[in-house]
Amino acid sequence: MKKGNLIIGTLLLCAHFALGQSYNTAVGLRMGTEWGLTLRQRFYKNYAAEMLLQSSLQREETQLTLLGISHKPLLTRRLNFYYGAGFHKGWADQLEVSYEDPWGIDFIAGLELTIGSINLSYDYKPAINLSGGAKTFDSQTGISLRYVIWKRDKYPWEQNSKKKRNKGKGGLFGIFK
């Protein structure tokens, strides 16, 4: 129990100094039950797309996954819970396998923390093969370590929408101008 409290305390302290989802583009490695590359791109407010290119440690298979993700702040905007869904396509790495190349749907949920230019996340990613593959259902867990290559700027439509909401309002609660 003391070890758990220490981990939670450390995460909260790091979250205090973190920049949260303050990036548009981050690229890095995903390590866990599958190993590979990850690229995450924010496209609107708290929504992002992620591409994973992974190789299985359990099967002779490579897989490309595309996910749509929604970020929700926890405690502060600096620590995020995220969830989403998408599709995958796999390829057997050997010529002689007893199954067709898999394709199917994926789901993902995890926690993310960004400190400076380093983005760290832990997630659970179940997948359902609609066709092919060694199994119909597969699940993965992984830790992703990404480097932020483009820090977050507000897109033009985000800046304009905020200006439109506040247009005509001034001062405290619109009372004073």
C-alpha atoms as a PDB file:
ATOM      1  CA  MET A   1       0.000   0.000   0.000  1.00  0.00           C
ATOM      2  CA  LYS A   2       2.863   2.379   0.803  1.00  0.00           C
ATOM      3  CA  LYS A   3       4.385   1.708  -2.614  1.00  0.00           C
ATOM      4  CA  GLY A   4       1.056   2.589  -4.287  1.00  0.00           C
ATOM      5  CA  ASN A   5       0.818   5.844  -2.318  1.00  0.00           C
ATOM      6  CA  LEU A   6       4.363   6.742  -3.340  1.00  0.00           C
ATOM      7  CA  ILE A   7       3.561   6.142  -7.023  1.00  0.00           C
ATOM      8  CA  ILE A   8       0.350   8.196  -6.841  1.00  0.00           C
ATOM      9  CA  GLY A   9       2.145  10.991  -4.979  1.00  0.00           C
ATOM     10  CA  THR A  10       4.942  11.038  -7.553  1.00  0.00           C
ATOM     11  CA  LEU A  11       2.441  11.155 -10.440  1.00  0.00           C
ATOM     12  CA  LEU A  12       0.558  14.042  -8.811  1.00  0.00           C
ATOM     13  CA  LEU A  13       3.792  15.952  -8.230  1.00  0.00           C
ATOM     14  CA  CYS A  14       4.876  15.384 -11.832  1.00  0.00           C
ATOM     15  CA  ALA A  15       1.415  16.420 -13.050  1.00  0.00           C
ATOM     16  CA  HIS A  16       1.837  19.736 -11.231  1.00  0.00           C
ATOM     17  CA  PHE A  17       4.874  20.586 -13.368  1.00  0.00           C
ATOM     18  CA  ALA A  18       3.680  18.892 -16.563  1.00  0.00           C
ATOM     19  CA  LEU A  19       2.442  20.538 -19.729  1.00  0.00           C
ATOM     20  CA  GLY A  20      -0.369  18.003 -20.321  1.00  0.00           C
ATOM     21  CA  GLN A  21      -1.622  17.449 -23.831  1.00  0.00           C
ATOM     22  CA  SER A  22       0.249  20.509 -24.968  1.00  0.00           C
ATOM     23  CA  TYR A  23       1.396  18.991 -28.234  1.00  0.00           C
ATOM     24  CA  ASN A  24       0.103  18.590 -31.739  1.00  0.00           C
ATOM     25  CA  THR A  25       2.492  15.841 -32.885  1.00  0.00           C
ATOM     26  CA  ALA A  26       4.446  13.275 -30.875  1.00  0.00           C
ATOM     27  CA  VAL A  27       6.376  10.253 -32.143  1.00  0.00           C
ATOM     28  CA  GLY A  28       8.059   7.405 -30.287  1.00  0.00           C
ATOM     29  CA  LEU A  29       8.147   3.776 -29.198  1.00  0.00           C
ATOM     30  CA  ARG A  30       5.406   1.552 -27.808  1.00  0.00           C
ATOM     31  CA  MET A  31       6.655  -1.294 -25.633  1.00  0.00           C
ATOM     32  CA  GLY A  32       4.628  -4.068 -24.053  1.00  0.00           C
ATOM     33  CA  THR A  33       2.977  -7.229 -25.280  1.00  0.00           C
ATOM     34  CA  GLU A  34       3.663  -5.827 -28.778  1.00  0.00           C
ATOM     35  CA  TRP A  35       6.630  -3.609 -29.703  1.00  0.00           C
ATOM     36  CA  GLY A  36       6.662  -0.892 -32.300  1.00  0.00           C
ATOM     37  CA  LEU A  37       6.383   2.737 -33.352  1.00  0.00           C
ATOM     38  CA  THR A  38       3.677   5.244 -32.423  1.00  0.00           C
ATOM     39  CA  LEU A  39       2.700   8.570 -33.975  1.00  0.00           C
ATOM     40  CA  ARG A  40       0.011  10.721 -32.345  1.00  0.00           C
ATOM     41  CA  GLN A  41      -1.420  13.823 -34.042  1.00  0.00           C
ATOM     42  CA  ARG A  42      -3.934  16.183 -32.444  1.00  0.00           C
ATOM     43  CA  PHE A  43      -6.485  17.390 -34.978  1.00  0.00           C
ATOM     44  CA  TYR A  44      -9.082  19.302 -32.925  1.00  0.00           C
ATOM     45  CA  LYS A  45      -9.160  20.465 -29.294  1.00  0.00           C
ATOM     46  CA  ASN A  46      -8.919  17.227 -27.259  1.00  0.00           C
ATOM     47  CA  TYR A  47      -9.152  14.837 -30.208  1.00  0.00           C
ATOM     48  CA  ALA A  48      -6.210  13.045 -31.759  1.00  0.00           C
ATOM     49  CA  ALA A  49      -5.387  10.307 -34.255  1.00  0.00           C
ATOM     50  CA  GLU A  50      -2.782   7.658 -33.503  1.00  0.00           C
ATOM     51  CA  MET A  51      -0.965   5.313 -35.838  1.00  0.00           C
ATOM     52  CA  LEU A  52       0.786   2.223 -34.443  1.00  0.00           C
ATOM     53  CA  LEU A  53       3.153  -0.006 -36.411  1.00  0.00           C
ATOM     54  CA  GLN A  54       3.911  -3.047 -34.252  1.00  0.00           C
ATOM     55  CA  SER A  55       5.484  -6.456 -34.349  1.00  0.00           C
ATOM     56  CA  SER A  56       4.103  -9.248 -32.197  1.00  0.00           C
ATOM     57  CA  LEU A  57       6.309 -11.048 -29.717  1.00  0.00           C
ATOM     58  CA  GLN A  58       3.845 -13.960 -29.500  1.00  0.00           C
ATOM     59  CA  ARG A  59       3.101 -14.453 -33.206  1.00  0.00           C
ATOM     60  CA  GLU A  60       5.098 -13.920 -36.396  1.00  0.00           C
ATOM     61  CA  GLU A  61       3.014 -10.914 -37.387  1.00  0.00           C
ATOM     62  CA  THR A  62       3.296  -7.174 -38.090  1.00  0.00           C
ATOM     63  CA  GLN A  63       0.309  -4.913 -37.602  1.00  0.00           C
ATOM     64  CA  LEU A  64      -0.704  -1.369 -38.596  1.00  0.00           C
ATOM     65  CA  THR A  65      -3.385   0.250 -36.401  1.00  0.00           C
ATOM     66  CA  LEU A  66      -5.177   3.591 -36.902  1.00  0.00           C
ATOM     67  CA  LEU A  67      -7.099   5.004 -33.926  1.00  0.00           C
ATOM     68  CA  GLY A  68      -9.253   8.029 -33.171  1.00  0.00           C
ATOM     69  CA  ILE A  69      -8.703   9.186 -29.568  1.00  0.00           C
ATOM     70  CA  SER A  70     -10.449  11.546 -27.151  1.00  0.00           C
ATOM     71  CA  HIS A  71      -8.469  13.072 -24.254  1.00  0.00           C
ATOM     72  CA  LYS A  72     -10.077  13.986 -20.916  1.00  0.00           C
ATOM     73  CA  PRO A  73      -8.085  15.812 -18.197  1.00  0.00           C
ATOM     74  CA  LEU A  74      -7.708  14.182 -14.766  1.00  0.00           C
ATOM     75  CA  LEU A  75      -7.215  16.431 -11.743  1.00  0.00           C
ATOM     76  CA  THR A  76      -5.633  19.005 -14.045  1.00  0.00           C
ATOM     77  CA  ARG A  77      -5.248  19.413 -17.782  1.00  0.00           C
ATOM     78  CA  ARG A  78      -1.738  18.066 -17.343  1.00  0.00           C
ATOM     79  CA  LEU A  79      -2.676  14.446 -16.735  1.00  0.00           C
ATOM     80  CA  ASN A  80      -5.037  12.877 -19.285  1.00  0.00           C
ATOM     81  CA  PHE A  81      -7.266   9.848 -19.519  1.00  0.00           C
ATOM     82  CA  TYR A  82      -7.859   8.863 -23.122  1.00  0.00           C
ATOM     83  CA  TYR A  83     -10.018   6.390 -24.980  1.00  0.00           C
ATOM     84  CA  GLY A  84     -10.830   5.614 -28.564  1.00  0.00           C
ATOM     85  CA  ALA A  85     -11.355   3.095 -31.327  1.00  0.00           C
ATOM     86  CA  GLY A  86     -10.078   2.268 -34.790  1.00  0.00           C
ATOM     87  CA  PHE A  87      -9.003  -0.424 -37.221  1.00  0.00           C
ATOM     88  CA  HIS A  88      -6.013  -2.710 -37.706  1.00  0.00           C
ATOM     89  CA  LYS A  89      -4.496  -4.684 -40.573  1.00  0.00           C
ATOM     90  CA  GLY A  90      -1.889  -7.368 -39.966  1.00  0.00           C
ATOM     91  CA  TRP A  91       0.599  -9.267 -42.117  1.00  0.00           C
ATOM     92  CA  ALA A  92       2.198 -12.622 -41.387  1.00  0.00           C
ATOM     93  CA  ASP A  93       5.993 -12.383 -41.249  1.00  0.00           C
ATOM     94  CA  GLN A  94       6.433 -15.977 -42.412  1.00  0.00           C
ATOM     95  CA  LEU A  95       5.463 -17.473 -45.754  1.00  0.00           C
ATOM     96  CA  GLU A  96       3.864 -20.555 -44.229  1.00  0.00           C
ATOM     97  CA  VAL A  97       1.183 -19.733 -41.661  1.00  0.00           C
ATOM     98  CA  SER A  98      -2.104 -21.524 -41.033  1.00  0.00           C
ATOM     99  CA  TYR A  99      -4.255 -18.359 -41.136  1.00  0.00           C
ATOM    100  CA  GLU A 100      -5.026 -15.387 -43.375  1.00  0.00           C
ATOM    101  CA  ASP A 101      -3.662 -11.915 -42.690  1.00  0.00           C
ATOM    102  CA  PRO A 102      -5.873 -10.390 -39.982  1.00  0.00           C
ATOM    103  CA  TRP A 103      -7.904  -7.199 -40.041  1.00  0.00           C
ATOM    104  CA  GLY A 104     -10.413  -5.906 -37.529  1.00  0.00           C
ATOM    105  CA  ILE A 105     -11.432  -3.288 -34.983  1.00  0.00           C
ATOM    106  CA  ASP A 106      -9.502  -1.983 -31.986  1.00  0.00           C
ATOM    107  CA  PHE A 107     -10.353  -0.105 -28.805  1.00  0.00           C
ATOM    108  CA  ILE A 108      -7.942   1.744 -26.518  1.00  0.00           C
ATOM    109  CA  ALA A 109      -7.991   3.349 -23.049  1.00  0.00           C
ATOM    110  CA  GLY A 110      -5.082   4.739 -21.067  1.00  0.00           C
ATOM    111  CA  LEU A 111      -3.377   7.453 -19.039  1.00  0.00           C
ATOM    112  CA  GLU A 112      -0.983  10.043 -20.464  1.00  0.00           C
ATOM    113  CA  LEU A 113       1.464  12.515 -18.956  1.00  0.00           C
ATOM    114  CA  THR A 114       3.625  15.039 -20.826  1.00  0.00           C
ATOM    115  CA  ILE A 115       6.633  16.656 -19.146  1.00  0.00           C
ATOM    116  CA  GLY A 116       8.489  19.124 -21.336  1.00  0.00           C
ATOM    117  CA  SER A 117       9.047  17.375 -24.663  1.00  0.00           C
ATOM    118  CA  ILE A 118       8.526  13.856 -23.277  1.00  0.00           C
ATOM    119  CA  ASN A 119       5.129  12.158 -23.478  1.00  0.00           C
ATOM    120  CA  LEU A 120       4.568   8.970 -21.467  1.00  0.00           C
ATOM    121  CA  SER A 121       1.428   6.839 -21.623  1.00  0.00           C
ATOM    122  CA  TYR A 122       0.145   3.470 -20.436  1.00  0.00           C
ATOM    123  CA  ASP A 123      -2.792   1.817 -22.190  1.00  0.00           C
ATOM    124  CA  TYR A 124      -4.926  -1.270 -22.671  1.00  0.00           C
ATOM    125  CA  LYS A 125      -5.831  -2.084 -26.290  1.00  0.00           C
ATOM    126  CA  PRO A 126      -8.242  -4.961 -27.037  1.00  0.00           C
ATOM    127  CA  ALA A 127      -8.676  -5.990 -30.689  1.00  0.00           C
ATOM    128  CA  ILE A 128     -11.252  -8.100 -32.495  1.00  0.00           C
ATOM    129  CA  ASN A 129     -10.217  -9.786 -35.748  1.00  0.00           C
ATOM    130  CA  LEU A 130     -13.126  -9.671 -38.189  1.00  0.00           C
ATOM    131  CA  SER A 131     -11.186 -11.814 -40.643  1.00  0.00           C
ATOM    132  CA  GLY A 132      -7.990 -13.865 -40.464  1.00  0.00           C
ATOM    133  CA  GLY A 133      -5.534 -13.954 -37.614  1.00  0.00           C
ATOM    134  CA  ALA A 134      -4.508 -16.672 -35.190  1.00  0.00           C
ATOM    135  CA  LYS A 135      -7.201 -15.576 -32.678  1.00  0.00           C
ATOM    136  CA  THR A 136     -10.557 -13.774 -32.922  1.00  0.00           C
ATOM    137  CA  PHE A 137      -9.873 -11.669 -29.784  1.00  0.00           C
ATOM    138  CA  ASP A 138      -6.510 -10.289 -28.701  1.00  0.00           C
ATOM    139  CA  SER A 139      -5.580  -7.743 -26.052  1.00  0.00           C
ATOM    140  CA  GLN A 140      -2.434  -5.704 -25.509  1.00  0.00           C
ATOM    141  CA  THR A 141      -1.017  -3.478 -22.829  1.00  0.00           C
ATOM    142  CA  GLY A 142       1.793  -1.082 -23.510  1.00  0.00           C
ATOM    143  CA  ILE A 143       3.852   1.866 -22.393  1.00  0.00           C
ATOM    144  CA  SER A 144       4.492   4.492 -25.035  1.00  0.00           C
ATOM    145  CA  LEU A 145       7.409   6.875 -24.787  1.00  0.00           C
ATOM    146  CA  ARG A 146       7.069   9.703 -27.301  1.00  0.00           C
ATOM    147  CA  TYR A 147       9.025  12.836 -28.142  1.00  0.00           C
ATOM    148  CA  VAL A 148       6.957  15.963 -28.834  1.00  0.00           C
ATOM    149  CA  ILE A 149       8.062  17.282 -32.225  1.00  0.00           C
ATOM    150  CA  TRP A 150       5.383  19.987 -32.544  1.00  0.00           C
ATOM    151  CA  LYS A 151       4.126  21.747 -29.429  1.00  0.00           C
ATOM    152  CA  ARG A 152       0.468  22.681 -29.214  1.00  0.00           C
ATOM    153  CA  ASP A 153      -0.705  25.861 -30.869  1.00  0.00           C
ATOM    154  CA  LYS A 154      -4.345  26.754 -31.129  1.00  0.00           C
ATOM    155  CA  TYR A 155      -5.675  26.073 -34.578  1.00  0.00           C
ATOM    156  CA  PRO A 156      -7.372  29.060 -36.285  1.00  0.00           C
ATOM    157  CA  TRP A 157     -10.869  27.620 -35.773  1.00  0.00           C
ATOM    158  CA  GLU A 158     -10.201  27.195 -32.033  1.00  0.00           C
ATOM    159  CA  GLN A 159      -9.075  30.814 -31.678  1.00  0.00           C
ATOM    160  CA  ASN A 160     -12.059  32.133 -33.631  1.00  0.00           C
ATOM    161  CA  SER A 161     -14.612  30.045 -31.728  1.00  0.00           C
ATOM    162  CA  LYS A 162     -13.402  31.443 -28.421  1.00  0.00           C
ATOM    163  CA  LYS A 163     -13.536  35.008 -29.757  1.00  0.00           C
ATOM    164  CA  LYS A 164     -17.096  34.444 -31.024  1.00  0.00           C
ATOM    165  CA  ARG A 165     -18.264  33.140 -27.643  1.00  0.00           C
ATOM    166  CA  ASN A 166     -16.798  36.136 -25.818  1.00  0.00           C
ATOM    167  CA  LYS A 167     -17.856  38.710 -28.398  1.00  0.00           C
ATOM    168  CA  GLY A 168     -19.916  41.452 -26.824  1.00  0.00           C
ATOM    169  CA  LYS A 169     -19.024  40.368 -23.305  1.00  0.00           C
ATOM    170  CA  GLY A 170     -16.646  42.380 -21.231  1.00  0.00           C
ATOM    171  CA  GLY A 171     -15.312  42.530 -17.735  1.00  0.00           C
ATOM    172  CA  LEU A 172     -16.612  40.403 -14.904  1.00  0.00           C
ATOM    173  CA  PHE A 173     -19.469  38.140 -16.119  1.00  0.00           C
ATOM    174  CA  GLY A 174     -20.234  40.634 -18.919  1.00  0.00           C
ATOM    175  CA  ILE A 175     -21.301  43.302 -16.403  1.00  0.00           C
ATOM    176  CA  PHE A 176     -18.379  45.712 -16.760  1.00  0.00           C
ATOM    177  CA  LYS A 177     -16.899  46.773 -20.091  1.00  0.00           C
END
